[in-house]
């Protein structure tokens, strides 16, 4: 979910399952502007479960699980601790490997090169510096010409774009194949927080389910880019209040 900008909001140990299910959607949200420190939950005042902290919180949760399993890992406590530490040490690298693969797809890269992490990190730095919309920016990278957005006007963007173009040209795939991979890896729409609130307000306060129906219709085809999707692609207005979620949402 990191690849699409999802913030769980309350990654407690009881909300994490080895089977991969996501538990407790109460305080969740999607980021608009890219920000690793993005927090939406009203109770997460210190940013424990911020967008960028989620991998480390998953690692922490696994450590708590390992502690509970120590008695059955080995009858010798010291050996049990060694086994737990060995297993836990694998997680950061495995997570980063899968995340890198996903980010490569988002940039239309079919292959892996040693400099890919730097290429990805440099783009994320530009996204943060320009307060660029996370979802729209990756989708916009497939367009020619690029739209007139702050990210693409950033003084360092052209240099990054040249490195990215050179990287794409080194793989055994056409630029059009690369573009198709990007379109299949970057949603054109997400459940924008302000759109979700509009739909909830219409249904709860006015008994109007049609707003939710329209939202759900486009969300069931998140990679389409039809005129029907356009209205749901816009981020909230610049003067919108910070979005806050609650455990009872």
C-alpha atoms as a PDB file:
ATOM      1  CA  UNK A   1       0.000   0.000   0.000  1.00  0.00           C
ATOM      2  CA  UNK A   2       3.029   2.300   0.289  1.00  0.00           C
ATOM      3  CA  UNK A   3       3.166   2.318  -3.515  1.00  0.00           C
ATOM      4  CA  UNK A   4      -0.239   4.005  -3.772  1.00  0.00           C
ATOM      5  CA  UNK A   5       0.155   6.408  -0.843  1.00  0.00           C
ATOM      6  CA  UNK A   6      -1.988   4.637   1.753  1.00  0.00           C
ATOM      7  CA  UNK A   7      -1.617   5.495   5.432  1.00  0.00           C
ATOM      8  CA  UNK A   8      -3.102   2.843   7.713  1.00  0.00           C
ATOM      9  CA  UNK A   9      -3.128   5.165  10.697  1.00  0.00           C
ATOM     10  CA  UNK A  10      -3.117   2.673  13.556  1.00  0.00           C
ATOM     11  CA  UNK A  11      -0.587  -0.096  12.885  1.00  0.00           C
ATOM     12  CA  UNK A  12      -0.833  -1.656  16.332  1.00  0.00           C
ATOM     13  CA  UNK A  13       0.231  -5.273  16.746  1.00  0.00           C
ATOM     14  CA  UNK A  14      -3.417  -6.372  16.883  1.00  0.00           C
ATOM     15  CA  UNK A  15      -4.035  -4.745  13.498  1.00  0.00           C
ATOM     16  CA  UNK A  16      -1.325  -6.619  11.600  1.00  0.00           C
ATOM     17  CA  UNK A  17      -1.868 -10.093  10.159  1.00  0.00           C
ATOM     18  CA  UNK A  18       0.708 -12.447   8.658  1.00  0.00           C
ATOM     19  CA  UNK A  19      -1.952 -13.506   6.157  1.00  0.00           C
ATOM     20  CA  UNK A  20      -1.812 -10.067   4.574  1.00  0.00           C
ATOM     21  CA  UNK A  21      -5.280  -8.849   5.505  1.00  0.00           C
ATOM     22  CA  UNK A  22      -5.637  -5.182   6.429  1.00  0.00           C
ATOM     23  CA  UNK A  23      -7.408  -4.763   9.772  1.00  0.00           C
ATOM     24  CA  UNK A  24      -9.094  -1.645  11.199  1.00  0.00           C
ATOM     25  CA  UNK A  25      -9.812   0.894   8.473  1.00  0.00           C
ATOM     26  CA  UNK A  26     -11.064   3.549  10.907  1.00  0.00           C
ATOM     27  CA  UNK A  27      -8.291   6.173  10.808  1.00  0.00           C
ATOM     28  CA  UNK A  28      -6.858   5.348   7.365  1.00  0.00           C
ATOM     29  CA  UNK A  29      -6.370   7.844   4.532  1.00  0.00           C
ATOM     30  CA  UNK A  30      -4.470   8.404   1.289  1.00  0.00           C
ATOM     31  CA  UNK A  31      -1.816  11.083   0.937  1.00  0.00           C
ATOM     32  CA  UNK A  32      -2.375  13.856  -1.588  1.00  0.00           C
ATOM     33  CA  UNK A  33       0.913  15.778  -1.612  1.00  0.00           C
ATOM     34  CA  UNK A  34       3.854  13.452  -1.051  1.00  0.00           C
ATOM     35  CA  UNK A  35       5.105  13.681   2.523  1.00  0.00           C
ATOM     36  CA  UNK A  36       6.753  10.850   4.488  1.00  0.00           C
ATOM     37  CA  UNK A  37       5.622  12.591   7.694  1.00  0.00           C
ATOM     38  CA  UNK A  38       1.954  12.608   6.663  1.00  0.00           C
ATOM     39  CA  UNK A  39      -0.328  11.732   9.584  1.00  0.00           C
ATOM     40  CA  UNK A  40      -4.122  11.770   9.582  1.00  0.00           C
ATOM     41  CA  UNK A  41      -5.216   9.948  12.745  1.00  0.00           C
ATOM     42  CA  UNK A  42      -6.362  12.269  15.524  1.00  0.00           C
ATOM     43  CA  UNK A  43      -4.635  10.147  18.179  1.00  0.00           C
ATOM     44  CA  UNK A  44      -1.270   9.849  16.398  1.00  0.00           C
ATOM     45  CA  UNK A  45       0.115  13.128  17.732  1.00  0.00           C
ATOM     46  CA  UNK A  46       3.764  12.057  17.535  1.00  0.00           C
ATOM     47  CA  UNK A  47       3.627  10.586  14.032  1.00  0.00           C
ATOM     48  CA  UNK A  48       4.311   7.032  15.142  1.00  0.00           C
ATOM     49  CA  UNK A  49       2.293   5.671  12.217  1.00  0.00           C
ATOM     50  CA  UNK A  50       3.181   8.363   9.665  1.00  0.00           C
ATOM     51  CA  UNK A  51       3.290   7.344   6.010  1.00  0.00           C
ATOM     52  CA  UNK A  52       7.056   6.924   5.937  1.00  0.00           C
ATOM     53  CA  UNK A  53       7.199   5.119   9.301  1.00  0.00           C
ATOM     54  CA  UNK A  54       4.983   2.228   8.261  1.00  0.00           C
ATOM     55  CA  UNK A  55       7.771  -0.188   7.242  1.00  0.00           C
ATOM     56  CA  UNK A  56       9.594   0.300  10.545  1.00  0.00           C
ATOM     57  CA  UNK A  57       6.322  -0.155  12.446  1.00  0.00           C
ATOM     58  CA  UNK A  58       5.721  -3.436  10.624  1.00  0.00           C
ATOM     59  CA  UNK A  59       9.219  -4.509  11.689  1.00  0.00           C
ATOM     60  CA  UNK A  60       8.509  -3.470  15.288  1.00  0.00           C
ATOM     61  CA  UNK A  61       5.257  -5.448  15.276  1.00  0.00           C
ATOM     62  CA  UNK A  62       7.067  -8.534  14.025  1.00  0.00           C
ATOM     63  CA  UNK A  63       9.547  -8.154  16.870  1.00  0.00           C
ATOM     64  CA  UNK A  64       6.673  -8.231  19.357  1.00  0.00           C
ATOM     65  CA  UNK A  65       5.366 -11.393  17.705  1.00  0.00           C
ATOM     66  CA  UNK A  66       8.823 -12.939  17.948  1.00  0.00           C
ATOM     67  CA  UNK A  67       8.936 -12.145  21.669  1.00  0.00           C
ATOM     68  CA  UNK A  68       5.683 -14.019  22.175  1.00  0.00           C
ATOM     69  CA  UNK A  69       7.030 -17.002  20.241  1.00  0.00           C
ATOM     70  CA  UNK A  70      10.367 -17.260  22.074  1.00  0.00           C
ATOM     71  CA  UNK A  71       9.271 -20.181  24.306  1.00  0.00           C
ATOM     72  CA  UNK A  72       8.505 -22.346  21.266  1.00  0.00           C
ATOM     73  CA  UNK A  73      11.425 -21.231  19.080  1.00  0.00           C
ATOM     74  CA  UNK A  74      13.935 -23.056  21.273  1.00  0.00           C
ATOM     75  CA  UNK A  75      14.058 -24.422  24.805  1.00  0.00           C
ATOM     76  CA  UNK A  76      17.252 -22.459  25.413  1.00  0.00           C
ATOM     77  CA  UNK A  77      16.350 -18.789  25.871  1.00  0.00           C
ATOM     78  CA  UNK A  78      19.609 -17.451  24.413  1.00  0.00           C
ATOM     79  CA  UNK A  79      19.246 -19.651  21.338  1.00  0.00           C
ATOM     80  CA  UNK A  80      15.624 -18.596  20.962  1.00  0.00           C
ATOM     81  CA  UNK A  81      16.703 -14.950  20.966  1.00  0.00           C
ATOM     82  CA  UNK A  82      19.331 -15.672  18.316  1.00  0.00           C
ATOM     83  CA  UNK A  83      16.778 -17.380  16.083  1.00  0.00           C
ATOM     84  CA  UNK A  84      14.335 -14.510  16.489  1.00  0.00           C
ATOM     85  CA  UNK A  85      16.978 -11.902  15.707  1.00  0.00           C
ATOM     86  CA  UNK A  86      18.104 -13.822  12.626  1.00  0.00           C
ATOM     87  CA  UNK A  87      14.557 -13.965  11.284  1.00  0.00           C
ATOM     88  CA  UNK A  88      13.797 -10.322  12.079  1.00  0.00           C
ATOM     89  CA  UNK A  89      17.000  -9.149  10.407  1.00  0.00           C
ATOM     90  CA  UNK A  90      15.640 -10.383   7.081  1.00  0.00           C
ATOM     91  CA  UNK A  91      12.599  -8.107   7.048  1.00  0.00           C
ATOM     92  CA  UNK A  92      14.082  -4.659   6.210  1.00  0.00           C
ATOM     93  CA  UNK A  93      15.943  -5.974   3.181  1.00  0.00           C
ATOM     94  CA  UNK A  94      12.998  -8.033   1.956  1.00  0.00           C
ATOM     95  CA  UNK A  95      10.620  -5.118   2.312  1.00  0.00           C
ATOM     96  CA  UNK A  96      12.992  -2.743   0.525  1.00  0.00           C
ATOM     97  CA  UNK A  97      13.432  -5.257  -2.289  1.00  0.00           C
ATOM     98  CA  UNK A  98       9.687  -5.530  -2.894  1.00  0.00           C
ATOM     99  CA  UNK A  99       9.206  -1.767  -2.550  1.00  0.00           C
ATOM    100  CA  UNK A 100      11.983  -1.121  -5.078  1.00  0.00           C
ATOM    101  CA  UNK A 101      10.387  -3.540  -7.526  1.00  0.00           C
ATOM    102  CA  UNK A 102       7.094  -1.700  -7.171  1.00  0.00           C
ATOM    103  CA  UNK A 103       8.706   1.701  -7.595  1.00  0.00           C
ATOM    104  CA  UNK A 104      10.533   0.474 -10.691  1.00  0.00           C
ATOM    105  CA  UNK A 105       7.195  -0.510 -12.212  1.00  0.00           C
ATOM    106  CA  UNK A 106       5.784   2.908 -11.359  1.00  0.00           C
ATOM    107  CA  UNK A 107       8.656   4.411 -13.383  1.00  0.00           C
ATOM    108  CA  UNK A 108       8.262   1.991 -16.276  1.00  0.00           C
ATOM    109  CA  UNK A 109      11.380  -0.030 -15.496  1.00  0.00           C
ATOM    110  CA  UNK A 110      11.324  -3.736 -16.321  1.00  0.00           C
ATOM    111  CA  UNK A 111      14.861  -4.454 -15.135  1.00  0.00           C
ATOM    112  CA  UNK A 112      16.985  -3.685 -12.085  1.00  0.00           C
ATOM    113  CA  UNK A 113      20.147  -1.581 -11.980  1.00  0.00           C
ATOM    114  CA  UNK A 114      22.354  -0.651  -9.039  1.00  0.00           C
ATOM    115  CA  UNK A 115      21.600   3.067  -9.345  1.00  0.00           C
ATOM    116  CA  UNK A 116      17.810   2.616  -9.278  1.00  0.00           C
ATOM    117  CA  UNK A 117      17.460   3.426  -5.541  1.00  0.00           C
ATOM    118  CA  UNK A 118      19.182   6.778  -6.087  1.00  0.00           C
ATOM    119  CA  UNK A 119      16.978   7.536  -9.103  1.00  0.00           C
ATOM    120  CA  UNK A 120      13.858   6.797  -7.056  1.00  0.00           C
ATOM    121  CA  UNK A 121      15.038   8.693  -3.985  1.00  0.00           C
ATOM    122  CA  UNK A 122      15.917  11.737  -6.092  1.00  0.00           C
ATOM    123  CA  UNK A 123      12.389  11.811  -7.492  1.00  0.00           C
ATOM    124  CA  UNK A 124      10.871  11.535  -4.018  1.00  0.00           C
ATOM    125  CA  UNK A 125      13.027  14.470  -2.895  1.00  0.00           C
ATOM    126  CA  UNK A 126      11.633  16.510  -5.798  1.00  0.00           C
ATOM    127  CA  UNK A 127       8.077  15.445  -4.974  1.00  0.00           C
ATOM    128  CA  UNK A 128       8.521  16.594  -1.387  1.00  0.00           C
ATOM    129  CA  UNK A 129      10.235  19.865  -2.311  1.00  0.00           C
ATOM    130  CA  UNK A 130       7.501  20.831  -4.765  1.00  0.00           C
ATOM    131  CA  UNK A 131       4.620  19.531  -2.616  1.00  0.00           C
ATOM    132  CA  UNK A 132       3.597  17.504  -5.640  1.00  0.00           C
ATOM    133  CA  UNK A 133       0.570  15.258  -5.645  1.00  0.00           C
ATOM    134  CA  UNK A 134       1.829  11.691  -5.246  1.00  0.00           C
ATOM    135  CA  UNK A 135      -0.786   9.940  -7.377  1.00  0.00           C
ATOM    136  CA  UNK A 136      -1.055  12.490 -10.170  1.00  0.00           C
ATOM    137  CA  UNK A 137       2.693  13.024 -10.509  1.00  0.00           C
ATOM    138  CA  UNK A 138       3.441   9.433 -11.475  1.00  0.00           C
ATOM    139  CA  UNK A 139       0.522   9.435 -13.878  1.00  0.00           C
ATOM    140  CA  UNK A 140       1.663  12.753 -15.360  1.00  0.00           C
ATOM    141  CA  UNK A 141       5.097  11.295 -16.110  1.00  0.00           C
ATOM    142  CA  UNK A 142       3.426   9.247 -18.859  1.00  0.00           C
ATOM    143  CA  UNK A 143       2.257  12.394 -20.665  1.00  0.00           C
ATOM    144  CA  UNK A 144       4.024  14.174 -23.502  1.00  0.00           C
ATOM    145  CA  UNK A 145       4.328  17.060 -23.133  1.00  0.00           C
ATOM    146  CA  UNK A 146       4.415  17.149 -19.361  1.00  0.00           C
ATOM    147  CA  UNK A 147       1.708  19.290 -17.740  1.00  0.00           C
ATOM    148  CA  UNK A 148       2.523  22.658 -16.221  1.00  0.00           C
ATOM    149  CA  UNK A 149       2.939  21.591 -12.601  1.00  0.00           C
ATOM    150  CA  UNK A 150       5.391  22.794  -9.899  1.00  0.00           C
ATOM    151  CA  UNK A 151       7.203  19.447  -9.935  1.00  0.00           C
ATOM    152  CA  UNK A 152       8.077  19.754 -13.602  1.00  0.00           C
ATOM    153  CA  UNK A 153       9.168  23.370 -13.169  1.00  0.00           C
ATOM    154  CA  UNK A 154      11.540  22.522 -10.319  1.00  0.00           C
ATOM    155  CA  UNK A 155      15.113  23.519 -11.267  1.00  0.00           C
ATOM    156  CA  UNK A 156      16.405  19.993 -10.635  1.00  0.00           C
ATOM    157  CA  UNK A 157      13.657  18.136 -12.464  1.00  0.00           C
ATOM    158  CA  UNK A 158      15.120  18.351 -15.962  1.00  0.00           C
ATOM    159  CA  UNK A 159      18.336  16.718 -14.823  1.00  0.00           C
ATOM    160  CA  UNK A 160      16.382  13.932 -13.127  1.00  0.00           C
ATOM    161  CA  UNK A 161      14.203  13.474 -16.218  1.00  0.00           C
ATOM    162  CA  UNK A 162      17.281  13.063 -18.426  1.00  0.00           C
ATOM    163  CA  UNK A 163      18.691  10.383 -16.119  1.00  0.00           C
ATOM    164  CA  UNK A 164      15.324   8.609 -16.065  1.00  0.00           C
ATOM    165  CA  UNK A 165      14.994   8.708 -19.860  1.00  0.00           C
ATOM    166  CA  UNK A 166      18.510   7.310 -20.250  1.00  0.00           C
ATOM    167  CA  UNK A 167      17.697   4.566 -17.735  1.00  0.00           C
ATOM    168  CA  UNK A 168      14.556   3.553 -19.643  1.00  0.00           C
ATOM    169  CA  UNK A 169      16.447   3.453 -22.940  1.00  0.00           C
ATOM    170  CA  UNK A 170      18.927   0.899 -21.559  1.00  0.00           C
ATOM    171  CA  UNK A 171      16.322  -1.805 -21.082  1.00  0.00           C
ATOM    172  CA  UNK A 172      15.155  -4.236 -23.739  1.00  0.00           C
ATOM    173  CA  UNK A 173      11.759  -2.592 -24.093  1.00  0.00           C
ATOM    174  CA  UNK A 174      10.357   0.289 -26.080  1.00  0.00           C
ATOM    175  CA  UNK A 175       9.406   3.579 -24.460  1.00  0.00           C
ATOM    176  CA  UNK A 176       5.794   2.757 -25.309  1.00  0.00           C
ATOM    177  CA  UNK A 177       6.075  -0.560 -23.453  1.00  0.00           C
ATOM    178  CA  UNK A 178       7.547   1.382 -20.534  1.00  0.00           C
ATOM    179  CA  UNK A 179       4.644   3.814 -20.659  1.00  0.00           C
ATOM    180  CA  UNK A 180       2.099   0.983 -20.660  1.00  0.00           C
ATOM    181  CA  UNK A 181       3.769  -0.516 -17.595  1.00  0.00           C
ATOM    182  CA  UNK A 182       3.480   2.849 -15.846  1.00  0.00           C
ATOM    183  CA  UNK A 183      -0.197   3.176 -16.747  1.00  0.00           C
ATOM    184  CA  UNK A 184      -0.810  -0.297 -15.319  1.00  0.00           C
ATOM    185  CA  UNK A 185       1.141   0.463 -12.128  1.00  0.00           C
ATOM    186  CA  UNK A 186      -0.074   3.972 -11.267  1.00  0.00           C
ATOM    187  CA  UNK A 187      -3.770   4.488 -10.526  1.00  0.00           C
ATOM    188  CA  UNK A 188      -5.439   7.497 -12.078  1.00  0.00           C
ATOM    189  CA  UNK A 189      -7.815   7.736  -9.123  1.00  0.00           C
ATOM    190  CA  UNK A 190      -7.633   6.928  -5.420  1.00  0.00           C
ATOM    191  CA  UNK A 191     -10.246   7.414  -2.690  1.00  0.00           C
ATOM    192  CA  UNK A 192      -9.370  11.091  -2.218  1.00  0.00           C
ATOM    193  CA  UNK A 193     -10.134  12.013   1.364  1.00  0.00           C
ATOM    194  CA  UNK A 194     -12.241  15.044   0.449  1.00  0.00           C
ATOM    195  CA  UNK A 195     -14.224  12.961  -2.050  1.00  0.00           C
ATOM    196  CA  UNK A 196     -14.873  10.274   0.541  1.00  0.00           C
ATOM    197  CA  UNK A 197     -16.115  12.938   2.957  1.00  0.00           C
ATOM    198  CA  UNK A 198     -18.409  14.396   0.288  1.00  0.00           C
ATOM    199  CA  UNK A 199     -19.894  10.984  -0.370  1.00  0.00           C
ATOM    200  CA  UNK A 200     -20.365  10.260   3.334  1.00  0.00           C
ATOM    201  CA  UNK A 201     -21.963  13.642   3.977  1.00  0.00           C
ATOM    202  CA  UNK A 202     -24.376  13.227   1.076  1.00  0.00           C
ATOM    203  CA  UNK A 203     -25.436   9.771   2.239  1.00  0.00           C
ATOM    204  CA  UNK A 204     -25.603  10.413   5.990  1.00  0.00           C
ATOM    205  CA  UNK A 205     -26.886  13.978   6.089  1.00  0.00           C
ATOM    206  CA  UNK A 206     -29.087  14.026   2.992  1.00  0.00           C
ATOM    207  CA  UNK A 207     -29.851  10.385   2.239  1.00  0.00           C
ATOM    208  CA  UNK A 208     -28.251  10.758  -1.190  1.00  0.00           C
ATOM    209  CA  UNK A 209     -26.396   7.572  -2.124  1.00  0.00           C
ATOM    210  CA  UNK A 210     -25.684   8.690  -5.701  1.00  0.00           C
ATOM    211  CA  UNK A 211     -22.464  10.520  -4.776  1.00  0.00           C
ATOM    212  CA  UNK A 212     -21.056   7.360  -3.201  1.00  0.00           C
ATOM    213  CA  UNK A 213     -22.215   5.302  -6.177  1.00  0.00           C
ATOM    214  CA  UNK A 214     -20.328   7.553  -8.608  1.00  0.00           C
ATOM    215  CA  UNK A 215     -17.209   7.394  -6.444  1.00  0.00           C
ATOM    216  CA  UNK A 216     -17.333   3.610  -6.176  1.00  0.00           C
ATOM    217  CA  UNK A 217     -17.888   3.299  -9.917  1.00  0.00           C
ATOM    218  CA  UNK A 218     -14.588   4.988 -10.774  1.00  0.00           C
ATOM    219  CA  UNK A 219     -12.711   3.311  -7.910  1.00  0.00           C
ATOM    220  CA  UNK A 220     -13.576  -0.127  -9.287  1.00  0.00           C
ATOM    221  CA  UNK A 221     -11.568   0.850 -12.405  1.00  0.00           C
ATOM    222  CA  UNK A 222      -8.704   2.818 -10.824  1.00  0.00           C
ATOM    223  CA  UNK A 223      -6.338   2.596 -13.803  1.00  0.00           C
ATOM    224  CA  UNK A 224      -8.781   3.978 -16.375  1.00  0.00           C
ATOM    225  CA  UNK A 225      -8.327   7.556 -17.524  1.00  0.00           C
ATOM    226  CA  UNK A 226     -11.744   8.455 -18.887  1.00  0.00           C
ATOM    227  CA  UNK A 227     -13.564  11.810 -18.638  1.00  0.00           C
ATOM    228  CA  UNK A 228     -15.645  10.177 -15.911  1.00  0.00           C
ATOM    229  CA  UNK A 229     -12.487   9.816 -13.826  1.00  0.00           C
ATOM    230  CA  UNK A 230     -11.265  13.380 -14.298  1.00  0.00           C
ATOM    231  CA  UNK A 231     -13.405  14.964 -11.588  1.00  0.00           C
ATOM    232  CA  UNK A 232     -12.047  12.495  -9.035  1.00  0.00           C
ATOM    233  CA  UNK A 233      -8.383  13.111  -9.861  1.00  0.00           C
ATOM    234  CA  UNK A 234      -8.101  16.610  -8.439  1.00  0.00           C
ATOM    235  CA  UNK A 235      -6.463  17.057  -5.027  1.00  0.00           C
ATOM    236  CA  UNK A 236      -8.275  19.136  -2.397  1.00  0.00           C
ATOM    237  CA  UNK A 237      -8.156  22.934  -2.737  1.00  0.00           C
ATOM    238  CA  UNK A 238      -4.947  24.528  -1.402  1.00  0.00           C
ATOM    239  CA  UNK A 239      -6.897  26.258   1.373  1.00  0.00           C
ATOM    240  CA  UNK A 240      -8.586  23.057   2.566  1.00  0.00           C
ATOM    241  CA  UNK A 241      -8.228  22.232   6.244  1.00  0.00           C
ATOM    242  CA  UNK A 242      -5.866  19.366   7.173  1.00  0.00           C
ATOM    243  CA  UNK A 243      -7.686  16.055   6.940  1.00  0.00           C
ATOM    244  CA  UNK A 244      -8.196  14.288  10.265  1.00  0.00           C
ATOM    245  CA  UNK A 245      -9.428  10.728  10.773  1.00  0.00           C
ATOM    246  CA  UNK A 246     -10.793   9.007  13.857  1.00  0.00           C
ATOM    247  CA  UNK A 247     -10.908   5.453  15.133  1.00  0.00           C
ATOM    248  CA  UNK A 248     -14.684   5.568  14.943  1.00  0.00           C
ATOM    249  CA  UNK A 249     -14.789   6.718  11.309  1.00  0.00           C
END
